[in-house]
Amino acid sequence: MFLSEAPESPETRRLYDDDRREMGFVMNGSRLWAHGAALHDGLFALLRRAAEAAGLTVRERGVLVIACASTLGDSYCALAWGTKLGREADGELAAAVLSGTDRGLDTQERALARWGRLVAADPNGTEAGDVQALRDSGFDDAQVLAITAYAALRLAFSSVNDALGVRPEAQLVAGAPQPVREVVTWGRAPEGI
């Protein structure tokens, strides 16, 4: 990470304690965002609202996030959410989304993965037919807006982490399913490599 350690504060301790409870270690992303815990909290509150408005399950969020992350070339979110999706489904399915084959996804999940890649790669290149594919898979227009906002906010989070040098922790890599570890070969190298 290119920034120094954030000063000790109640907000810093809260971010770190949340990570320890959920992950068992303090994530480098939290170390970065501890410099602006209120920004972190505001961003994640908006992400939660977008996910709720879209009606996305954890599995669907995983598909969307790692489709965006792999397209962006973000190893950190690809590993973190590849692991989450691996727990919700399995490591092979997560690796399929990360590699772009989408084996094992249902029609709605395939539409989410395709849309996430389009939003990450070229949002100005989307067309009405791309939105129609989301509708055809069962999403209404309000959900399409919320899905797109969720994807764009995740891309913003990834971009901040990537620009400021956040690298995947050894613990994150070790906890990822083997198929996910094998496919994530882009972005910043994990710590210790």
C-alpha atoms as a PDB file:
ATOM      1  CA  MET A   1       0.000   0.000   0.000  1.00  0.00           C
ATOM      2  CA  PHE A   2       1.299   3.414  -0.897  1.00  0.00           C
ATOM      3  CA  LEU A   3      -0.163   5.211   2.140  1.00  0.00           C
ATOM      4  CA  SER A   4       1.176   5.005   5.677  1.00  0.00           C
ATOM      5  CA  GLU A   5      -0.672   3.228   8.479  1.00  0.00           C
ATOM      6  CA  ALA A   6      -3.723   5.249   9.543  1.00  0.00           C
ATOM      7  CA  PRO A   7      -3.583   6.869  12.979  1.00  0.00           C
ATOM      8  CA  GLU A   8      -5.214   4.924  15.799  1.00  0.00           C
ATOM      9  CA  SER A   9      -8.833   5.991  16.340  1.00  0.00           C
ATOM     10  CA  PRO A  10     -12.172   4.466  17.323  1.00  0.00           C
ATOM     11  CA  GLU A  11     -13.088   4.258  13.612  1.00  0.00           C
ATOM     12  CA  THR A  12      -9.828   2.512  12.747  1.00  0.00           C
ATOM     13  CA  ARG A  13     -10.313   0.010  15.580  1.00  0.00           C
ATOM     14  CA  ARG A  14     -13.901  -0.645  14.423  1.00  0.00           C
ATOM     15  CA  LEU A  15     -12.811  -1.364  10.828  1.00  0.00           C
ATOM     16  CA  TYR A  16     -10.013  -3.634  12.017  1.00  0.00           C
ATOM     17  CA  ASP A  17     -12.219  -5.415  14.569  1.00  0.00           C
ATOM     18  CA  ASP A  18     -14.872  -6.036  11.907  1.00  0.00           C
ATOM     19  CA  ASP A  19     -12.224  -7.671   9.701  1.00  0.00           C
ATOM     20  CA  ARG A  20     -10.901  -9.792  12.546  1.00  0.00           C
ATOM     21  CA  ARG A  21     -14.430 -11.049  13.271  1.00  0.00           C
ATOM     22  CA  GLU A  22     -15.267 -11.770   9.641  1.00  0.00           C
ATOM     23  CA  MET A  23     -11.896 -12.745   8.156  1.00  0.00           C
ATOM     24  CA  GLY A  24      -9.626 -13.549  11.081  1.00  0.00           C
ATOM     25  CA  PHE A  25      -7.125 -10.847  10.049  1.00  0.00           C
ATOM     26  CA  VAL A  26      -7.052  -7.157   9.140  1.00  0.00           C
ATOM     27  CA  MET A  27      -7.411  -6.691   5.406  1.00  0.00           C
ATOM     28  CA  ASN A  28      -5.103  -4.311   3.552  1.00  0.00           C
ATOM     29  CA  GLY A  29      -8.158  -2.624   2.060  1.00  0.00           C
ATOM     30  CA  SER A  30      -9.319  -1.747   5.563  1.00  0.00           C
ATOM     31  CA  ARG A  31      -5.874  -0.402   6.410  1.00  0.00           C
ATOM     32  CA  LEU A  32      -6.184   1.906   3.404  1.00  0.00           C
ATOM     33  CA  TRP A  33      -9.784   2.974   4.055  1.00  0.00           C
ATOM     34  CA  ALA A  34      -9.009   3.618   7.737  1.00  0.00           C
ATOM     35  CA  HIS A  35      -7.678   6.967   6.486  1.00  0.00           C
ATOM     36  CA  GLY A  36     -11.291   7.789   5.595  1.00  0.00           C
ATOM     37  CA  ALA A  37     -13.536   5.502   7.621  1.00  0.00           C
ATOM     38  CA  ALA A  38     -16.527   7.781   7.021  1.00  0.00           C
ATOM     39  CA  LEU A  39     -15.955   7.493   3.249  1.00  0.00           C
ATOM     40  CA  HIS A  40     -15.751   3.708   3.599  1.00  0.00           C
ATOM     41  CA  ASP A  41     -18.933   3.563   5.669  1.00  0.00           C
ATOM     42  CA  GLY A  42     -20.820   5.838   3.273  1.00  0.00           C
ATOM     43  CA  LEU A  43     -19.722   3.841   0.235  1.00  0.00           C
ATOM     44  CA  PHE A  44     -20.690   0.528   1.810  1.00  0.00           C
ATOM     45  CA  ALA A  45     -24.033   1.886   3.001  1.00  0.00           C
ATOM     46  CA  LEU A  46     -24.758   2.898  -0.597  1.00  0.00           C
ATOM     47  CA  LEU A  47     -23.606  -0.506  -1.850  1.00  0.00           C
ATOM     48  CA  ARG A  48     -25.972  -2.223   0.596  1.00  0.00           C
ATOM     49  CA  ARG A  49     -28.880  -0.031  -0.565  1.00  0.00           C
ATOM     50  CA  ALA A  50     -28.111  -0.767  -4.227  1.00  0.00           C
ATOM     51  CA  ALA A  51     -27.881  -4.532  -3.585  1.00  0.00           C
ATOM     52  CA  GLU A  52     -31.175  -4.476  -1.691  1.00  0.00           C
ATOM     53  CA  ALA A  53     -32.903  -2.427  -4.393  1.00  0.00           C
ATOM     54  CA  ALA A  54     -31.643  -4.868  -7.011  1.00  0.00           C
ATOM     55  CA  GLY A  55     -32.755  -7.854  -4.929  1.00  0.00           C
ATOM     56  CA  LEU A  56     -29.330  -9.474  -5.314  1.00  0.00           C
ATOM     57  CA  THR A  57     -28.413 -12.556  -3.303  1.00  0.00           C
ATOM     58  CA  VAL A  58     -24.859 -13.040  -2.027  1.00  0.00           C
ATOM     59  CA  ARG A  59     -24.252 -15.450  -4.894  1.00  0.00           C
ATOM     60  CA  GLU A  60     -25.523 -12.922  -7.469  1.00  0.00           C
ATOM     61  CA  ARG A  61     -23.419 -10.155  -5.921  1.00  0.00           C
ATOM     62  CA  GLY A  62     -20.430 -12.485  -6.113  1.00  0.00           C
ATOM     63  CA  VAL A  63     -21.017 -13.138  -9.806  1.00  0.00           C
ATOM     64  CA  LEU A  64     -21.370  -9.426 -10.544  1.00  0.00           C
ATOM     65  CA  VAL A  65     -18.371  -8.349  -8.452  1.00  0.00           C
ATOM     66  CA  ILE A  66     -15.926 -10.895  -9.826  1.00  0.00           C
ATOM     67  CA  ALA A  67     -17.081 -10.316 -13.399  1.00  0.00           C
ATOM     68  CA  CYS A  68     -16.265  -6.630 -12.855  1.00  0.00           C
ATOM     69  CA  ALA A  69     -13.034  -7.327 -10.958  1.00  0.00           C
ATOM     70  CA  SER A  70     -11.645  -9.744 -13.531  1.00  0.00           C
ATOM     71  CA  THR A  71     -12.458  -7.340 -16.365  1.00  0.00           C
ATOM     72  CA  LEU A  72     -10.805  -4.466 -14.478  1.00  0.00           C
ATOM     73  CA  GLY A  73      -7.822  -6.656 -13.621  1.00  0.00           C
ATOM     74  CA  ASP A  74      -8.295  -6.284  -9.860  1.00  0.00           C
ATOM     75  CA  SER A  75      -6.708  -9.246  -8.082  1.00  0.00           C
ATOM     76  CA  TYR A  76      -7.792  -8.110  -4.620  1.00  0.00           C
ATOM     77  CA  CYS A  77     -11.570  -8.109  -5.155  1.00  0.00           C
ATOM     78  CA  ALA A  78     -11.304 -11.101  -7.499  1.00  0.00           C
ATOM     79  CA  LEU A  79      -9.737 -13.151  -4.691  1.00  0.00           C
ATOM     80  CA  ALA A  80     -11.969 -11.807  -1.914  1.00  0.00           C
ATOM     81  CA  TRP A  81     -15.239 -12.228  -3.781  1.00  0.00           C
ATOM     82  CA  GLY A  82     -14.049 -15.351  -5.598  1.00  0.00           C
ATOM     83  CA  THR A  83     -13.701 -16.851  -2.127  1.00  0.00           C
ATOM     84  CA  LYS A  84     -17.172 -15.622  -1.098  1.00  0.00           C
ATOM     85  CA  LEU A  85     -18.715 -17.037  -4.262  1.00  0.00           C
ATOM     86  CA  GLY A  86     -16.760 -20.245  -3.734  1.00  0.00           C
ATOM     87  CA  ARG A  87     -18.410 -20.589  -0.324  1.00  0.00           C
ATOM     88  CA  GLU A  88     -21.873 -19.852  -1.734  1.00  0.00           C
ATOM     89  CA  ALA A  89     -21.464 -22.190  -4.721  1.00  0.00           C
ATOM     90  CA  ASP A  90     -18.072 -23.779  -5.272  1.00  0.00           C
ATOM     91  CA  GLY A  91     -14.567 -22.820  -6.335  1.00  0.00           C
ATOM     92  CA  GLU A  92     -15.004 -24.174  -9.857  1.00  0.00           C
ATOM     93  CA  LEU A  93     -18.026 -21.952 -10.461  1.00  0.00           C
ATOM     94  CA  ALA A  94     -16.155 -18.906  -9.140  1.00  0.00           C
ATOM     95  CA  ALA A  95     -13.189 -19.725 -11.377  1.00  0.00           C
ATOM     96  CA  ALA A  96     -15.538 -20.070 -14.359  1.00  0.00           C
ATOM     97  CA  VAL A  97     -16.872 -16.549 -13.790  1.00  0.00           C
ATOM     98  CA  LEU A  98     -13.367 -15.168 -13.225  1.00  0.00           C
ATOM     99  CA  SER A  99     -12.165 -16.747 -16.469  1.00  0.00           C
ATOM    100  CA  GLY A 100     -15.248 -15.630 -18.410  1.00  0.00           C
ATOM    101  CA  THR A 101     -16.601 -19.081 -19.301  1.00  0.00           C
ATOM    102  CA  ASP A 102     -19.537 -18.767 -16.850  1.00  0.00           C
ATOM    103  CA  ARG A 103     -19.974 -22.565 -16.625  1.00  0.00           C
ATOM    104  CA  GLY A 104     -22.556 -23.427 -13.993  1.00  0.00           C
ATOM    105  CA  LEU A 105     -24.417 -20.112 -14.021  1.00  0.00           C
ATOM    106  CA  ASP A 106     -28.142 -19.877 -14.593  1.00  0.00           C
ATOM    107  CA  THR A 107     -29.645 -17.478 -17.142  1.00  0.00           C
ATOM    108  CA  GLN A 108     -30.009 -14.591 -14.704  1.00  0.00           C
ATOM    109  CA  GLU A 109     -26.468 -15.024 -13.354  1.00  0.00           C
ATOM    110  CA  ARG A 110     -25.081 -15.128 -16.911  1.00  0.00           C
ATOM    111  CA  ALA A 111     -26.861 -11.849 -17.640  1.00  0.00           C
ATOM    112  CA  LEU A 112     -25.332 -10.313 -14.500  1.00  0.00           C
ATOM    113  CA  ALA A 113     -21.835 -11.502 -15.412  1.00  0.00           C
ATOM    114  CA  ARG A 114     -22.155 -10.195 -18.968  1.00  0.00           C
ATOM    115  CA  TRP A 115     -23.485  -6.839 -17.750  1.00  0.00           C
ATOM    116  CA  GLY A 116     -20.727  -6.508 -15.140  1.00  0.00           C
ATOM    117  CA  ARG A 117     -18.078  -7.076 -17.800  1.00  0.00           C
ATOM    118  CA  LEU A 118     -19.675  -4.508 -20.108  1.00  0.00           C
ATOM    119  CA  VAL A 119     -19.897  -1.881 -17.355  1.00  0.00           C
ATOM    120  CA  ALA A 120     -16.272  -2.494 -16.348  1.00  0.00           C
ATOM    121  CA  ALA A 121     -14.850  -2.627 -19.879  1.00  0.00           C
ATOM    122  CA  ASP A 122     -16.754   0.061 -21.778  1.00  0.00           C
ATOM    123  CA  PRO A 123     -19.810   1.663 -20.197  1.00  0.00           C
ATOM    124  CA  ASN A 124     -20.160   3.952 -23.234  1.00  0.00           C
ATOM    125  CA  GLY A 125     -20.346   0.903 -25.468  1.00  0.00           C
ATOM    126  CA  THR A 126     -23.500  -0.567 -23.952  1.00  0.00           C
ATOM    127  CA  GLU A 127     -26.635  -0.668 -26.059  1.00  0.00           C
ATOM    128  CA  ALA A 128     -30.371  -1.052 -25.504  1.00  0.00           C
ATOM    129  CA  GLY A 129     -30.077  -4.745 -26.361  1.00  0.00           C
ATOM    130  CA  ASP A 130     -27.648  -5.237 -23.476  1.00  0.00           C
ATOM    131  CA  VAL A 131     -30.212  -3.835 -21.050  1.00  0.00           C
ATOM    132  CA  GLN A 132     -32.915  -5.938 -22.697  1.00  0.00           C
ATOM    133  CA  ALA A 133     -30.878  -9.059 -21.918  1.00  0.00           C
ATOM    134  CA  LEU A 134     -31.145  -8.162 -18.216  1.00  0.00           C
ATOM    135  CA  ARG A 135     -34.905  -7.626 -18.574  1.00  0.00           C
ATOM    136  CA  ASP A 136     -35.267 -10.915 -20.434  1.00  0.00           C
ATOM    137  CA  SER A 137     -33.537 -12.696 -17.539  1.00  0.00           C
ATOM    138  CA  GLY A 138     -36.113 -11.330 -15.084  1.00  0.00           C
ATOM    139  CA  PHE A 139     -34.901  -7.939 -13.870  1.00  0.00           C
ATOM    140  CA  ASP A 140     -37.129  -4.867 -14.097  1.00  0.00           C
ATOM    141  CA  ASP A 141     -35.861  -1.385 -14.930  1.00  0.00           C
ATOM    142  CA  ALA A 142     -35.500  -0.298 -11.291  1.00  0.00           C
ATOM    143  CA  GLN A 143     -33.403  -3.396 -10.646  1.00  0.00           C
ATOM    144  CA  VAL A 144     -31.281  -2.715 -13.745  1.00  0.00           C
ATOM    145  CA  LEU A 145     -30.494   0.751 -12.394  1.00  0.00           C
ATOM    146  CA  ALA A 146     -29.631  -0.665  -8.963  1.00  0.00           C
ATOM    147  CA  ILE A 147     -27.483  -3.457 -10.483  1.00  0.00           C
ATOM    148  CA  THR A 148     -25.594  -0.913 -12.562  1.00  0.00           C
ATOM    149  CA  ALA A 149     -25.095   1.377  -9.564  1.00  0.00           C
ATOM    150  CA  TYR A 150     -23.850  -1.583  -7.526  1.00  0.00           C
ATOM    151  CA  ALA A 151     -21.376  -2.578 -10.256  1.00  0.00           C
ATOM    152  CA  ALA A 152     -20.142   1.009 -10.699  1.00  0.00           C
ATOM    153  CA  LEU A 153     -19.691   1.484  -6.954  1.00  0.00           C
ATOM    154  CA  ARG A 154     -17.736  -1.786  -6.706  1.00  0.00           C
ATOM    155  CA  LEU A 155     -15.557  -0.577  -9.594  1.00  0.00           C
ATOM    156  CA  ALA A 156     -14.957   2.702  -7.756  1.00  0.00           C
ATOM    157  CA  PHE A 157     -13.923   0.794  -4.631  1.00  0.00           C
ATOM    158  CA  SER A 158     -11.592  -1.430  -6.665  1.00  0.00           C
ATOM    159  CA  SER A 159     -10.102   1.554  -8.480  1.00  0.00           C
ATOM    160  CA  VAL A 160      -9.242   3.326  -5.220  1.00  0.00           C
ATOM    161  CA  ASN A 161      -7.658   0.170  -3.804  1.00  0.00           C
ATOM    162  CA  ASP A 162      -5.717  -0.525  -6.992  1.00  0.00           C
ATOM    163  CA  ALA A 163      -4.524   3.052  -7.500  1.00  0.00           C
ATOM    164  CA  LEU A 164      -3.212   3.221  -3.935  1.00  0.00           C
ATOM    165  CA  GLY A 165      -1.344  -0.081  -4.127  1.00  0.00           C
ATOM    166  CA  VAL A 166      -3.484  -2.451  -2.056  1.00  0.00           C
ATOM    167  CA  ARG A 167      -2.169  -6.004  -2.480  1.00  0.00           C
ATOM    168  CA  PRO A 168      -3.910  -9.235  -1.502  1.00  0.00           C
ATOM    169  CA  GLU A 169      -2.795 -10.561   1.872  1.00  0.00           C
ATOM    170  CA  ALA A 170      -1.184 -13.983   2.136  1.00  0.00           C
ATOM    171  CA  GLN A 171      -4.132 -15.043   4.345  1.00  0.00           C
ATOM    172  CA  LEU A 172      -6.633 -13.993   1.667  1.00  0.00           C
ATOM    173  CA  VAL A 173      -4.802 -16.006  -0.971  1.00  0.00           C
ATOM    174  CA  ALA A 174      -4.425 -19.031   1.319  1.00  0.00           C
ATOM    175  CA  GLY A 175      -8.152 -18.994   2.107  1.00  0.00           C
ATOM    176  CA  ALA A 176      -9.247 -18.804  -1.535  1.00  0.00           C
ATOM    177  CA  PRO A 177     -10.399 -21.989  -3.283  1.00  0.00           C
ATOM    178  CA  GLN A 178      -7.624 -23.572  -5.373  1.00  0.00           C
ATOM    179  CA  PRO A 179      -9.446 -22.957  -8.704  1.00  0.00           C
ATOM    180  CA  VAL A 180      -9.753 -19.248  -7.820  1.00  0.00           C
ATOM    181  CA  ARG A 181      -6.064 -19.003  -6.875  1.00  0.00           C
ATOM    182  CA  GLU A 182      -5.115 -20.636 -10.169  1.00  0.00           C
ATOM    183  CA  VAL A 183      -7.129 -18.296 -12.376  1.00  0.00           C
ATOM    184  CA  VAL A 184      -6.346 -14.937 -10.711  1.00  0.00           C
ATOM    185  CA  THR A 185      -3.088 -14.055 -12.464  1.00  0.00           C
ATOM    186  CA  TRP A 186      -3.718 -10.348 -13.043  1.00  0.00           C
ATOM    187  CA  GLY A 187      -3.489  -7.181 -10.999  1.00  0.00           C
ATOM    188  CA  ARG A 188      -1.221  -6.560  -8.060  1.00  0.00           C
ATOM    189  CA  ALA A 189       0.701  -9.594  -6.850  1.00  0.00           C
ATOM    190  CA  PRO A 190      -0.132 -10.894  -3.381  1.00  0.00           C
ATOM    191  CA  GLU A 191       2.081  -9.897  -0.479  1.00  0.00           C
ATOM    192  CA  GLY A 192       5.233 -11.935  -0.234  1.00  0.00           C
ATOM    193  CA  ILE A 193       5.480 -12.498  -3.999  1.00  0.00           C
END
